[in-house]
Protein backbone atom coordinates (compact mmCIF):
# COMPACT_ATOMS: atom_id res chain seq x y z
CA MET A 1 9.19 43.27 -37.43
CA MET A 2 9.85 40.83 -34.37
CA LYS A 3 7.26 38.10 -33.37
CA LYS A 4 5.90 38.14 -30.08
CA LYS A 5 6.89 34.65 -28.48
CA LYS A 6 4.44 33.02 -26.78
CA ILE A 7 5.11 31.99 -22.85
CA LYS A 8 4.21 28.50 -22.21
CA LYS A 9 3.16 27.72 -18.52
CA PRO A 10 5.30 24.70 -17.16
CA GLN A 11 3.24 21.57 -17.48
CA LYS A 12 2.36 20.52 -14.15
CA GLU A 13 3.11 16.81 -13.56
CA THR A 14 0.29 14.67 -12.43
CA LYS A 15 0.87 12.09 -9.84
CA THR A 16 -1.09 8.75 -10.33
CA ILE A 17 -1.87 7.41 -6.84
CA LEU A 18 -2.59 3.37 -6.80
CA GLU A 19 -4.79 2.21 -3.89
CA TYR A 20 -4.73 -1.77 -2.77
CA TYR A 21 -5.35 -3.50 0.44
CA TYR A 22 -3.17 -5.35 2.60
CA MET A 23 -5.45 -8.10 4.15
CA ILE A 24 -3.68 -9.93 7.00
CA PRO A 25 -5.26 -12.99 8.84
CA THR A 26 -3.86 -12.38 12.23
CA LYS A 27 -4.41 -9.50 14.52
CA THR A 28 -1.48 -7.02 14.10
CA ASP A 29 -0.73 -3.19 14.02
CA VAL A 30 1.76 -0.60 12.39
CA LYS A 31 4.22 -0.98 15.48
CA ALA A 32 4.56 -4.83 14.38
CA LEU A 33 4.73 -4.27 10.73
CA GLU A 34 7.50 -1.24 11.33
CA GLN A 35 9.61 -3.82 13.10
CA VAL A 36 9.45 -6.22 10.21
CA LEU A 37 10.24 -3.33 7.75
CA THR A 38 13.51 -2.14 9.70
CA ALA A 39 15.34 -5.57 10.04
CA ASP A 40 18.32 -5.76 8.46
CA LYS A 41 17.01 -7.87 5.54
CA LEU A 42 15.01 -4.98 3.82
CA LYS A 43 16.59 -1.65 2.86
CA VAL A 44 13.94 1.13 3.58
CA GLU A 45 14.98 4.75 3.86
CA GLN A 46 12.53 5.85 6.47
CA VAL A 47 9.57 4.58 8.24
CA GLU A 48 7.29 6.51 10.42
CA ILE A 49 4.38 5.45 12.33
CA TRP A 50 1.50 6.86 14.26
CA THR A 51 0.10 4.17 16.79
CA GLU A 52 -2.71 5.97 17.92
CA LEU A 53 -3.93 6.01 14.33
CA ASP A 54 -2.63 2.41 13.23
CA LEU A 55 -1.10 4.64 10.46
CA MET A 56 2.24 4.01 8.74
CA GLU A 57 4.40 5.95 6.11
CA VAL A 58 7.08 4.21 4.34
CA VAL A 59 9.31 6.75 2.70
CA LEU A 60 9.98 5.55 -1.12
CA ALA A 61 11.84 7.33 -3.95
CA ASP A 62 9.08 9.63 -5.42
CA ASP A 63 6.31 9.65 -2.38
CA SER A 64 5.51 7.42 0.06
CA LEU A 65 3.79 4.24 0.72
CA ILE A 66 1.14 4.79 3.11
CA PHE A 67 -0.72 1.79 5.36
CA GLN A 68 -4.10 3.07 7.02
CA ASN A 69 -6.24 0.94 8.96
CA ALA A 70 -9.53 0.14 7.04
CA ARG A 71 -11.15 -2.44 8.69
CA ASP A 72 -14.06 -0.55 9.62
CA CYS A 73 -14.48 0.60 5.97
CA PHE A 74 -15.86 -2.63 4.76
CA GLU A 75 -19.77 -2.98 5.61
CA ASP A 76 -20.97 -4.34 2.46
CA GLU A 77 -22.10 -8.24 2.77
CA GLU A 78 -20.38 -9.15 -0.22
CA ASP A 79 -16.94 -7.64 1.06
CA LEU A 80 -17.67 -9.13 4.49
CA ASP A 81 -18.20 -12.92 3.18
CA PHE A 82 -14.88 -12.27 1.43
CA ILE A 83 -13.34 -11.18 4.64
CA LYS A 84 -14.90 -14.29 6.64
CA LYS A 85 -14.05 -16.62 3.89
CA HIS A 86 -10.17 -15.87 3.95
CA GLN A 87 -10.34 -15.58 7.73
CA ILE A 88 -8.87 -11.84 7.50
CA GLN A 89 -8.32 -10.10 10.92
CA THR A 90 -6.29 -6.83 9.83
CA ILE A 91 -7.04 -4.56 7.08
CA TYR A 92 -4.73 -1.72 5.64
CA GLN A 93 -5.75 0.48 2.83
CA LEU A 94 -2.89 1.22 0.73
CA GLY A 95 -1.82 4.23 -1.49
CA PHE A 96 1.50 4.87 -3.28
CA SER A 97 2.72 6.86 -6.25
CA GLU A 98 2.26 5.05 -9.74
CA LYS A 99 6.25 5.83 -10.30
CA ASP A 100 7.00 4.17 -7.10
CA ILE A 101 5.25 0.74 -8.10
CA ASP A 102 8.59 -1.39 -8.18
CA ALA A 103 9.79 -0.20 -4.71
CA ALA A 104 6.20 -0.56 -3.09
CA GLY A 105 5.99 -4.09 -4.69
CA GLU A 106 9.34 -4.92 -3.14
CA VAL A 107 8.13 -3.74 0.39
CA LEU A 108 4.60 -5.36 0.01
CA GLN A 109 6.11 -8.64 -1.13
CA TYR A 110 8.57 -8.63 1.74
CA LEU A 111 5.57 -8.01 4.06
CA ILE A 112 3.32 -10.85 2.64
CA ASP A 113 6.64 -13.27 2.84
CA GLU A 114 7.62 -12.66 6.60
CA VAL A 115 3.95 -11.63 7.76
CA GLY A 116 1.42 -13.38 5.73
CA GLY A 117 -1.63 -11.70 3.75
CA MET A 118 -2.28 -10.66 0.63
CA VAL A 119 -2.53 -7.33 -1.13
CA CYS A 120 -5.69 -7.13 -3.08
CA SER A 121 -6.88 -4.54 -5.82
CA ASP A 122 -9.37 -1.98 -4.97
CA SER A 123 -12.22 -3.48 -6.81
CA ASP A 124 -15.53 -5.01 -6.35
CA ASP A 125 -13.93 -8.60 -6.22
CA PHE A 126 -10.63 -7.73 -5.17
CA GLU A 127 -8.93 -9.24 -8.16
CA PRO A 128 -5.87 -9.45 -9.06
CA ILE A 129 -4.91 -10.88 -5.56
CA TYR A 130 -1.02 -11.02 -4.77
CA ASP A 131 0.28 -13.41 -2.05
CA LYS A 132 2.97 -16.07 -1.62
CA LYS A 133 1.69 -18.12 -4.49
CA HIS A 134 1.19 -15.04 -6.86
CA SER A 135 3.92 -12.29 -6.64
CA ILE A 136 3.89 -8.87 -6.81
CA ILE A 137 7.07 -8.40 -8.09
């Protein structure tokens, strides 16, 4: 007598998206950031921008690194104090796949080195904070 084999459904791979903020002490937009990223110094495969949305997508190996303008999202008094203390003019919410953490870190560190600013965690106190003194990579 033959035993029936159970057919297993393939496991869906779950994608973990990491979220951070890129805070910059100068007024800038995705067009200016794109120009920095497409310079010969950094090899990125593809960068797409939507200027009317102030949105940028940097294509990485697993997924994309998304920059979305988030300046108007901060209304909490403690957040506004942090922004004022650090003289932040431009804020982008960042999202990328955990599998792309090394490539995203390289892109973000390049931007910090070339444009300035800092990458902050999506937490109550924005810690840890990565800047020129505290490298992402």
